[in-house]
Protein backbone atom coordinates (compact mmCIF):
# COMPACT_ATOMS: atom_id res chain seq x y z
CA MET A 1 6.31 10.53 20.34
CA SER A 2 3.04 11.34 22.09
CA GLN A 3 1.33 11.26 18.71
CA VAL A 4 2.85 7.83 17.99
CA VAL A 5 1.58 6.47 21.33
CA ARG A 6 -1.85 7.92 20.65
CA ILE A 7 -2.21 6.11 17.34
CA SER A 8 -0.12 3.02 18.15
CA ALA A 9 -3.04 0.57 17.99
CA LEU A 10 -4.08 1.89 14.59
CA LEU A 11 -0.50 1.76 13.31
CA LEU A 12 -0.17 -1.85 14.49
CA SER A 13 -3.38 -2.76 12.71
CA SER A 14 -2.17 -1.07 9.55
CA ALA A 15 1.22 -2.80 9.79
CA LEU A 16 -0.37 -6.25 10.05
CA LEU A 17 -2.62 -5.47 7.11
CA MET A 18 0.32 -4.34 4.98
CA ILE A 19 2.41 -7.37 5.97
CA ALA A 20 -0.43 -9.63 4.86
CA GLY A 21 -0.88 -7.65 1.64
CA GLY A 22 2.85 -7.78 0.87
CA MET A 23 2.92 -11.54 1.39
CA HIS A 24 -0.29 -12.15 -0.57
CA GLY A 25 0.83 -10.03 -3.50
CA LEU A 26 4.07 -12.00 -3.89
CA ILE A 27 2.75 -15.48 -3.17
CA LEU A 28 0.23 -15.53 -6.01
CA PRO A 29 2.38 -14.69 -9.05
CA VAL A 30 5.30 -16.84 -7.88
CA ARG A 31 3.24 -19.86 -6.82
CA GLY A 32 0.94 -19.47 -9.83
CA SER A 33 3.91 -19.50 -12.18
CA GLU A 34 5.31 -22.59 -10.47
CA GLU A 35 1.89 -24.26 -10.82
CA GLY A 36 2.00 -23.67 -14.58
CA PHE A 37 -0.57 -20.88 -14.88
CA SER A 38 -0.39 -19.08 -18.22
CA LEU A 39 1.09 -15.60 -18.40
CA ILE A 40 -2.31 -14.23 -19.40
CA ALA A 41 -3.93 -15.80 -16.35
CA LEU A 42 -1.23 -14.34 -14.11
CA GLY A 43 -1.80 -10.93 -15.68
CA LEU A 44 -5.53 -11.22 -15.02
CA ILE A 45 -4.80 -12.00 -11.38
CA GLY A 46 -3.11 -8.59 -11.17
CA THR A 47 -6.03 -7.00 -12.99
CA GLY A 48 -8.43 -8.63 -10.52
CA TRP A 49 -6.65 -6.94 -7.63
CA SER A 50 -7.01 -3.50 -9.22
CA VAL A 51 -10.68 -4.08 -10.07
CA GLY A 52 -11.36 -5.07 -6.47
CA PHE A 53 -9.28 -2.23 -5.01
CA ILE A 54 -11.06 0.46 -7.02
CA SER A 55 -14.47 -1.10 -6.31
CA GLY A 56 -13.69 -1.15 -2.59
CA SER A 57 -12.54 2.46 -2.64
CA ILE A 58 -15.92 3.44 -4.06
CA ALA A 59 -18.30 1.02 -2.30
CA VAL A 60 -16.92 0.53 1.22
CA PRO A 61 -17.94 4.04 2.44
CA PHE A 62 -21.56 3.00 1.93
CA LEU A 63 -21.04 -0.15 4.03
CA VAL A 64 -19.36 1.83 6.81
CA ARG A 65 -22.28 4.27 6.94
CA ARG A 66 -24.61 1.33 7.35
CA VAL A 67 -22.88 -0.87 9.94
CA GLY A 68 -20.06 1.25 11.39
CA HIS A 69 -16.27 1.25 11.22
CA ILE A 70 -15.39 -1.66 13.52
CA ARG A 71 -17.88 -4.08 11.97
CA SER A 72 -16.85 -3.06 8.47
CA TYR A 73 -13.18 -3.52 9.28
CA ALA A 74 -13.83 -6.95 10.82
CA VAL A 75 -15.76 -8.00 7.70
CA MET A 76 -13.02 -6.79 5.34
CA ALA A 77 -10.17 -8.46 7.26
CA SER A 78 -12.13 -11.69 7.71
CA ILE A 79 -12.98 -12.00 4.01
CA ALA A 80 -9.38 -11.19 3.07
CA CYS A 81 -8.27 -13.97 5.42
CA MET A 82 -10.75 -16.35 3.79
CA THR A 83 -9.62 -15.48 0.26
CA ILE A 84 -5.98 -16.41 0.84
CA LEU A 85 -7.04 -19.68 2.48
CA PHE A 86 -9.27 -20.39 -0.52
CA ASN A 87 -6.20 -19.66 -2.69
CA LEU A 88 -4.53 -22.54 -0.86
CA ILE A 89 -7.50 -24.89 -1.19
CA PHE A 90 -8.35 -24.14 -4.83
CA ILE A 91 -5.10 -23.92 -6.77
CA ASN A 92 -6.72 -22.97 -10.06
CA ASP A 93 -6.10 -19.95 -12.26
CA MET A 94 -9.75 -18.96 -12.73
CA ALA A 95 -10.44 -19.33 -9.01
CA TRP A 96 -7.45 -17.16 -8.17
CA ILE A 97 -8.54 -14.42 -10.57
CA GLY A 98 -11.96 -14.22 -8.89
CA LEU A 99 -10.52 -14.45 -5.38
CA ARG A 100 -8.06 -11.67 -6.16
CA VAL A 101 -10.95 -9.31 -6.84
CA PHE A 102 -12.28 -10.02 -3.35
CA SER A 103 -8.86 -9.55 -1.73
CA GLY A 104 -8.36 -6.20 -3.50
CA PHE A 105 -11.83 -5.05 -2.43
CA CYS A 106 -11.26 -6.01 1.19
CA PHE A 107 -7.73 -4.61 1.36
CA ALA A 108 -8.96 -1.23 0.12
CA GLY A 109 -11.86 -1.23 2.57
CA ALA A 110 -9.73 -2.18 5.57
CA ALA A 111 -7.08 0.41 4.70
CA MET A 112 -9.73 3.12 4.35
CA VAL A 113 -11.17 2.38 7.80
CA VAL A 114 -7.76 2.60 9.50
CA GLU A 115 -6.88 5.77 7.63
CA SER A 116 -10.18 7.39 8.58
CA TRP A 117 -9.37 6.72 12.24
CA LEU A 118 -5.95 8.28 11.80
CA ASN A 119 -7.58 11.28 10.17
CA GLU A 120 -10.01 11.57 13.08
CA VAL A 121 -7.25 11.86 15.69
CA SER A 122 -5.20 14.32 13.60
CA ASP A 123 -5.79 18.06 13.62
CA ASN A 124 -4.26 20.45 11.10
CA GLU A 125 -1.11 20.78 13.21
CA SER A 126 -0.46 17.04 13.59
CA ARG A 127 -1.80 15.75 10.25
CA GLY A 128 1.58 16.09 8.54
CA THR A 129 3.31 14.12 11.31
CA THR A 130 0.65 11.43 11.30
CA PHE A 131 0.77 11.14 7.53
CA SER A 132 4.57 10.78 7.52
CA ILE A 133 4.47 8.12 10.23
CA TYR A 134 1.76 6.23 8.38
CA VAL A 135 3.70 6.33 5.09
CA SER A 136 6.78 4.96 6.87
CA VAL A 137 4.82 2.17 8.55
CA THR A 138 3.18 1.05 5.31
CA LEU A 139 6.54 0.96 3.52
CA PHE A 140 8.25 -0.99 6.30
CA ALA A 141 5.38 -3.44 6.77
CA SER A 142 4.81 -4.24 3.09
CA THR A 143 8.57 -4.78 2.67
CA ALA A 144 8.58 -6.99 5.77
CA GLY A 145 5.82 -9.10 4.21
CA GLN A 146 7.95 -9.69 1.13
CA MET A 147 10.97 -10.52 3.29
CA ILE A 148 8.89 -13.16 5.09
CA ILE A 149 8.29 -14.83 1.72
CA ALA A 150 12.04 -14.68 1.07
CA VAL A 151 12.43 -16.89 4.17
CA THR A 152 9.41 -19.21 3.83
CA GLY A 153 9.24 -19.53 0.06
CA VAL A 154 5.85 -20.19 -1.55
CA ALA A 155 5.74 -23.99 -1.45
CA GLY A 156 3.30 -25.77 0.83
CA TYR A 157 0.75 -24.16 3.11
CA ILE A 158 2.87 -22.14 5.56
CA PRO A 159 3.09 -18.82 3.61
CA PHE A 160 -0.68 -18.83 2.98
CA VAL A 161 -1.46 -19.51 6.64
CA LEU A 162 0.98 -16.86 7.91
CA ALA A 163 -0.59 -14.24 5.63
CA ALA A 164 -4.06 -15.29 6.80
CA ILE A 165 -2.95 -14.89 10.43
CA ALA A 166 -1.69 -11.39 9.66
CA TYR A 167 -4.99 -10.47 7.97
CA ILE A 168 -7.14 -11.63 10.87
CA GLY A 169 -4.67 -10.28 13.44
CA ALA A 170 -5.18 -6.81 11.98
CA VAL A 171 -8.70 -6.84 13.44
CA LEU A 172 -7.54 -7.03 17.06
CA PRO A 173 -5.98 -3.57 17.58
CA THR A 174 -8.98 -1.78 16.07
CA ALA A 175 -11.43 -3.92 18.06
CA VAL A 176 -9.94 -2.78 21.39
CA THR A 177 -8.96 0.78 20.48
CA LEU A 178 -10.45 3.57 22.62
CA THR A 179 -10.23 6.05 19.74
CA PRO A 180 -13.69 7.49 18.99
CA GLN A 181 -15.54 6.34 15.89
CA PRO A 182 -14.40 8.59 13.04
CA ALA A 183 -16.50 10.59 10.62
CA PRO A 184 -17.93 8.90 7.49
CA LEU A 185 -15.36 7.71 4.99
CA LYS A 186 -14.32 9.69 1.96
CA SER A 187 -15.17 8.21 -1.41
CA ALA A 188 -13.04 8.40 -4.53
CA SER A 189 -14.70 10.65 -7.12
CA PHE A 190 -13.95 11.03 -10.78
CA ASP A 191 -14.09 14.37 -12.56
CA ILE A 192 -11.85 13.95 -15.59
CA GLY A 193 -12.71 17.45 -16.79
CA LEU A 194 -11.50 19.03 -13.55
CA ILE A 195 -8.28 17.00 -13.53
CA TYR A 196 -7.51 17.66 -17.19
CA ARG A 197 -8.23 21.39 -16.90
CA THR A 198 -5.99 21.55 -13.84
CA SER A 199 -3.10 19.53 -15.27
CA PRO A 200 -3.19 17.36 -18.42
CA VAL A 201 0.25 16.02 -17.50
CA ALA A 202 -1.11 14.75 -14.17
CA VAL A 203 -3.77 12.68 -15.95
CA ILE A 204 -1.26 11.22 -18.39
CA ALA A 205 1.27 10.55 -15.62
CA ALA A 206 -1.29 8.76 -13.46
CA PHE A 207 -2.34 6.49 -16.33
CA SER A 208 1.23 5.82 -17.53
CA VAL A 209 2.49 5.05 -14.03
CA GLY A 210 -0.51 2.76 -13.50
CA MET A 211 0.19 0.87 -16.73
CA ALA A 212 3.92 0.49 -16.08
CA ASN A 213 3.82 -0.28 -12.37
CA GLY A 214 0.71 -2.44 -12.60
CA ALA A 215 2.55 -4.60 -15.14
CA PHE A 216 5.80 -4.58 -13.16
CA GLY A 217 4.26 -5.29 -9.75
CA THR A 218 2.26 -8.25 -11.05
CA LEU A 219 4.60 -9.81 -13.59
CA ALA A 220 8.17 -9.00 -12.50
CA PRO A 221 7.99 -11.98 -10.08
CA VAL A 222 6.83 -14.12 -13.02
CA TYR A 223 9.76 -12.86 -15.08
CA GLY A 224 12.01 -13.97 -12.21
CA ILE A 225 10.52 -17.46 -12.12
CA GLU A 226 10.84 -17.80 -15.90
CA ARG A 227 14.52 -16.82 -15.58
CA GLY A 228 15.06 -19.44 -12.89
CA PHE A 229 15.58 -17.04 -9.98
CA SER A 230 14.97 -18.29 -6.46
CA THR A 231 11.98 -17.06 -4.47
CA SER A 232 14.27 -15.20 -2.08
CA THR A 233 15.96 -13.39 -4.97
CA ILE A 234 12.58 -12.34 -6.37
CA ALA A 235 11.49 -11.05 -2.95
CA TYR A 236 14.72 -9.09 -2.54
CA LEU A 237 14.39 -7.58 -6.03
CA MET A 238 10.79 -6.48 -5.56
CA SER A 239 11.53 -5.03 -2.12
CA LEU A 240 14.59 -3.24 -3.46
CA ALA A 241 12.55 -1.59 -6.19
CA ILE A 242 9.90 -0.31 -3.78
CA VAL A 243 12.37 0.88 -1.13
CA SER A 244 14.50 2.64 -3.77
CA GLY A 245 11.44 4.53 -4.99
CA ALA A 246 10.45 5.51 -1.46
CA ILE A 247 13.94 6.77 -0.62
CA ALA A 248 14.21 8.70 -3.89
CA GLN A 249 10.91 10.53 -3.35
CA VAL A 250 12.27 13.14 -0.96
CA PRO A 251 15.39 14.30 -2.86
CA LEU A 252 13.55 14.22 -6.19
CA GLY A 253 10.60 16.00 -4.64
CA ARG A 254 12.82 18.69 -3.13
CA LEU A 255 14.45 19.14 -6.54
CA SER A 256 10.99 19.57 -8.09
CA ASP A 257 10.31 22.34 -5.54
CA ARG A 258 13.18 24.32 -7.06
CA ILE A 259 12.67 23.74 -10.79
CA ASP A 260 9.74 22.92 -13.07
CA ARG A 261 8.33 19.62 -11.78
CA ARG A 262 7.80 18.50 -15.36
CA LYS A 263 11.56 18.61 -15.93
CA VAL A 264 11.99 16.26 -12.98
CA MET A 265 9.23 14.02 -14.29
CA ILE A 266 10.89 13.89 -17.71
CA GLY A 267 14.27 12.99 -16.21
CA VAL A 268 12.83 10.38 -13.86
CA ALA A 269 10.65 8.82 -16.58
CA LEU A 270 13.66 8.57 -18.89
CA VAL A 271 15.65 6.86 -16.14
CA GLY A 272 12.80 4.34 -15.74
CA ALA A 273 12.72 3.79 -19.51
CA LEU A 274 16.52 3.36 -19.59
CA ALA A 275 16.39 0.78 -16.78
CA GLY A 276 13.72 -1.15 -18.69
CA VAL A 277 15.72 -1.08 -21.93
CA LEU A 278 18.89 -2.25 -20.17
CA LEU A 279 17.02 -5.08 -18.47
CA MET A 280 15.61 -6.14 -21.83
CA LEU A 281 18.93 -5.91 -23.69
CA PHE A 282 21.19 -7.56 -21.13
CA ASN A 283 18.64 -9.81 -19.37
CA PRO A 284 21.15 -10.38 -16.53
CA GLY A 285 21.28 -13.38 -14.22
CA GLU A 286 21.32 -13.37 -10.42
CA ASN A 287 24.20 -10.94 -10.04
CA GLY A 288 24.92 -7.41 -8.87
CA PHE A 289 24.01 -5.86 -12.22
CA LEU A 290 20.48 -7.24 -11.91
CA TYR A 291 20.07 -5.66 -8.47
CA ILE A 292 21.43 -2.34 -9.72
CA LEU A 293 18.95 -2.26 -12.61
CA PHE A 294 15.99 -3.15 -10.37
CA ALA A 295 17.03 -0.45 -7.90
CA LEU A 296 17.33 2.04 -10.77
CA TYR A 297 13.93 1.06 -12.09
CA GLY A 298 12.30 1.35 -8.66
CA LEU A 299 14.00 4.69 -8.00
CA ALA A 300 12.27 6.11 -11.06
CA ALA A 301 9.01 4.18 -11.33
CA TYR A 302 7.92 4.41 -7.69
CA SER A 303 8.68 8.12 -7.27
CA LEU A 304 6.91 9.41 -10.39
CA TYR A 305 3.36 9.39 -9.05
CA ALA A 306 4.22 11.48 -5.98
CA ILE A 307 5.78 14.14 -8.23
CA ALA A 308 2.72 14.07 -10.51
CA VAL A 309 0.41 14.62 -7.52
CA ALA A 310 2.57 17.55 -6.40
CA HIS A 311 2.45 19.01 -9.92
CA ALA A 312 -1.35 18.78 -9.99
CA ASN A 313 -1.49 20.44 -6.57
CA ASP A 314 0.50 23.40 -7.90
CA PHE A 315 -2.35 24.25 -10.29
CA ALA A 316 -5.27 23.21 -8.08
CA ASP A 317 -7.70 25.84 -6.86
CA ASP A 318 -8.17 26.24 -3.12
CA GLY A 319 -10.25 23.36 -1.80
CA SER A 320 -9.92 21.17 -4.89
CA PHE A 321 -6.81 19.11 -4.09
CA GLY A 322 -8.84 16.24 -2.65
CA ARG A 323 -11.11 15.97 -5.69
CA ILE A 324 -8.17 16.16 -8.10
CA ALA A 325 -6.05 13.60 -6.21
CA SER A 326 -9.09 11.35 -5.82
CA GLY A 327 -9.73 11.47 -9.56
CA MET A 328 -6.05 10.79 -10.28
CA LEU A 329 -6.37 7.73 -8.05
CA LEU A 330 -9.06 6.29 -10.32
CA VAL A 331 -7.03 7.10 -13.45
CA LEU A 332 -4.06 5.35 -11.84
CA GLY A 333 -6.25 2.35 -11.03
CA SER A 334 -7.45 2.15 -14.61
CA GLY A 335 -3.84 1.88 -15.73
CA GLN A 336 -3.13 -0.74 -13.08
CA MET A 337 -6.02 -2.81 -14.42
CA LEU A 338 -4.88 -2.66 -18.05
CA GLY A 339 -1.11 -2.84 -17.53
CA PRO A 340 -0.91 -6.49 -16.44
CA ILE A 341 -3.11 -7.58 -19.36
CA ALA A 342 -1.01 -5.73 -21.94
CA ALA A 343 2.24 -7.01 -20.47
CA SER A 344 1.04 -10.61 -20.13
CA PHE A 345 0.09 -10.78 -23.83
CA THR A 346 3.43 -9.23 -24.79
CA MET A 347 5.34 -11.68 -22.60
CA GLN A 348 3.28 -14.61 -23.88
CA PHE A 349 4.18 -13.98 -27.51
CA PHE A 350 7.62 -12.34 -27.32
CA GLY A 351 9.18 -13.71 -24.15
CA PRO A 352 9.21 -12.80 -20.43
CA VAL A 353 11.88 -10.12 -20.77
CA THR A 354 9.58 -7.99 -22.94
CA LEU A 355 7.83 -6.99 -19.72
CA PHE A 356 10.40 -4.22 -19.57
CA MET A 357 9.63 -3.15 -23.11
CA VAL A 358 6.08 -2.38 -21.94
CA THR A 359 7.29 -0.35 -18.96
CA ALA A 360 9.85 1.50 -21.13
CA VAL A 361 7.17 2.43 -23.68
CA PHE A 362 4.93 4.07 -21.09
CA HIS A 363 7.75 5.84 -19.31
CA SER A 364 9.04 7.18 -22.63
CA ALA A 365 5.54 8.31 -23.63
CA LEU A 366 5.16 10.18 -20.34
CA ALA A 367 8.51 11.92 -20.82
CA GLY A 368 7.61 12.96 -24.37
CA ILE A 369 4.18 14.32 -23.48
CA ALA A 370 5.53 16.21 -20.45
CA PHE A 371 8.16 17.79 -22.72
CA ILE A 372 5.46 18.90 -25.18
CA ARG A 373 3.33 20.35 -22.38
CA MET A 374 6.29 22.40 -21.14
CA ARG A 375 6.24 24.22 -24.48
CA MET A 376 2.52 24.92 -24.12
CA ARG A 377 2.20 26.02 -20.48
CA SER A 378 4.48 27.82 -18.04
CA ARG A 379 5.24 26.42 -14.62
CA ALA A 380 3.12 27.55 -11.68
CA PRO A 381 4.28 30.77 -9.98
CA ALA A 382 6.62 30.13 -7.06
CA GLU A 383 4.20 31.66 -4.52
CA GLU A 384 1.45 29.21 -5.56
CA ARG A 385 3.61 26.07 -5.34
CA ALA A 386 3.17 23.98 -2.21
CA PRO A 387 6.23 22.09 -0.89
CA PHE A 388 6.55 18.49 -2.05
CA GLN A 389 4.94 15.88 0.19
CA PRO A 390 6.07 12.21 0.09
CA PHE A 391 3.31 9.80 -0.92
CA PRO A 392 2.70 6.11 -0.14
CA ALA A 393 3.28 3.39 -2.72
CA GLU A 394 0.48 3.91 -5.22
CA GLN A 395 -0.95 0.39 -4.91
CA THR A 396 -2.07 1.19 -1.32
CA VAL A 397 -3.51 4.71 -1.84
CA THR A 398 -7.22 5.25 -1.14
CA ALA A 399 -9.46 8.29 -0.84
CA GLU A 400 -8.83 8.26 2.92
CA THR A 401 -5.07 8.43 2.28
CA ILE A 402 -5.73 11.61 0.34
CA ALA A 403 -7.91 12.97 3.16
CA LEU A 404 -5.07 12.31 5.62
CA ASP A 405 -2.58 14.10 3.35
CA PRO A 406 -1.90 17.54 4.90
CA ARG A 407 -2.41 19.14 1.47
CA SER A 408 -6.10 18.29 1.64
CA ASP A 409 -6.36 20.67 4.64
CA GLY A 410 -9.46 18.92 5.93
CA GLU A 411 -11.22 19.30 2.59
CA ASP A 412 -14.63 17.63 2.42
CA PHE A 413 -15.02 15.42 -0.64
CA GLU A 414 -16.99 12.57 0.92
CA ILE A 415 -20.17 11.02 -0.47
CA PRO A 416 -23.30 13.10 0.22
CA ASP A 417 -25.76 12.16 2.93
CA SER A 418 -28.36 11.37 0.27
CA ALA A 419 -26.20 8.38 -0.71
CA ASN A 420 -26.75 6.78 2.70
CA PRO A 421 -28.48 3.42 2.06
CA ASP A 422 -30.69 4.01 5.10
CA GLU A 423 -32.08 7.18 3.52
CA THR A 424 -32.66 6.03 -0.06
């Protein structure tokens, strides 16, 4: 409890940011679909978010080194607030695609600043507690944002303004916090050779999960609109999928501690594929079966990445977890960029329900490749396997999230001093 009090201002700031992000992420596909945007344009809006998020994860550390954490955070939250208000003023598909890049960039930057503060006030003994609290807050807040949309709907100006208020409100707790300025931010780095040598399955899992969940997160609300579902139903379905995945992480992770994690990944990926196939075959209306299938999909799809990270950690050398997880983050982001495009073209030509054909294909491919790799490489020895650690929803993970993860053990994988703009 003392640790919660100590970081309460930072947690409040993070909660407001996640509420705004949850609202923003649901408003755009639903309102865009109602405005008659094409499926391809809606897919590109999702791609724009991933492009901005990855760019922010790489570039924001340079800005923070130049102007400091508080100024950088204020800039990120202010621009994010402006982008959603511009979404309201300019209801145009091309404008929304460009604005979504800015919102992804700013969301990543703001999240990294808060996480770096949390990392600063956490020592090796309290990092695990802080990380668990932070994961819980992000899950609750992003779900709360979607529940707000279930109440307000997406018509008119109110949902846009409420999300903008949450974005700008996130500045206030960090502006008055007495927590010392943290160390320079970590920056996501990409060493595909290191990741692949450590665990080929981890690379494939990160990309497959990115493709499937990038498509689902962006276009499942569009599928709901095309099926005639109400906005509240869509919000409930999306929240149910995310919460199911978060709840399933711990029991599935504990199971993967006992047996080969690849067996768990195969089983979970097949469950995700099965849920997609059933959704495509039955295409249910607003009834209990629909909710069951979305919960089943979320249980599988949103727990896979955490197991893949744990599997990579089993084979990581001492001091390399941060670099491996950081590289996996960029592989994941690449999938999240391409997934909405692939799914939007498929839905455009073959119907909205074929969204789930795309997710089923990538989950099935992951299961098949993991099965092949099991025949080629033994599991890590029990004494080298670290216990499973729950992980945030992958669309909010940055390099600072990885630094806060207790498995990083304070590992230094930040950008070198020579990259400081003041010194070059």
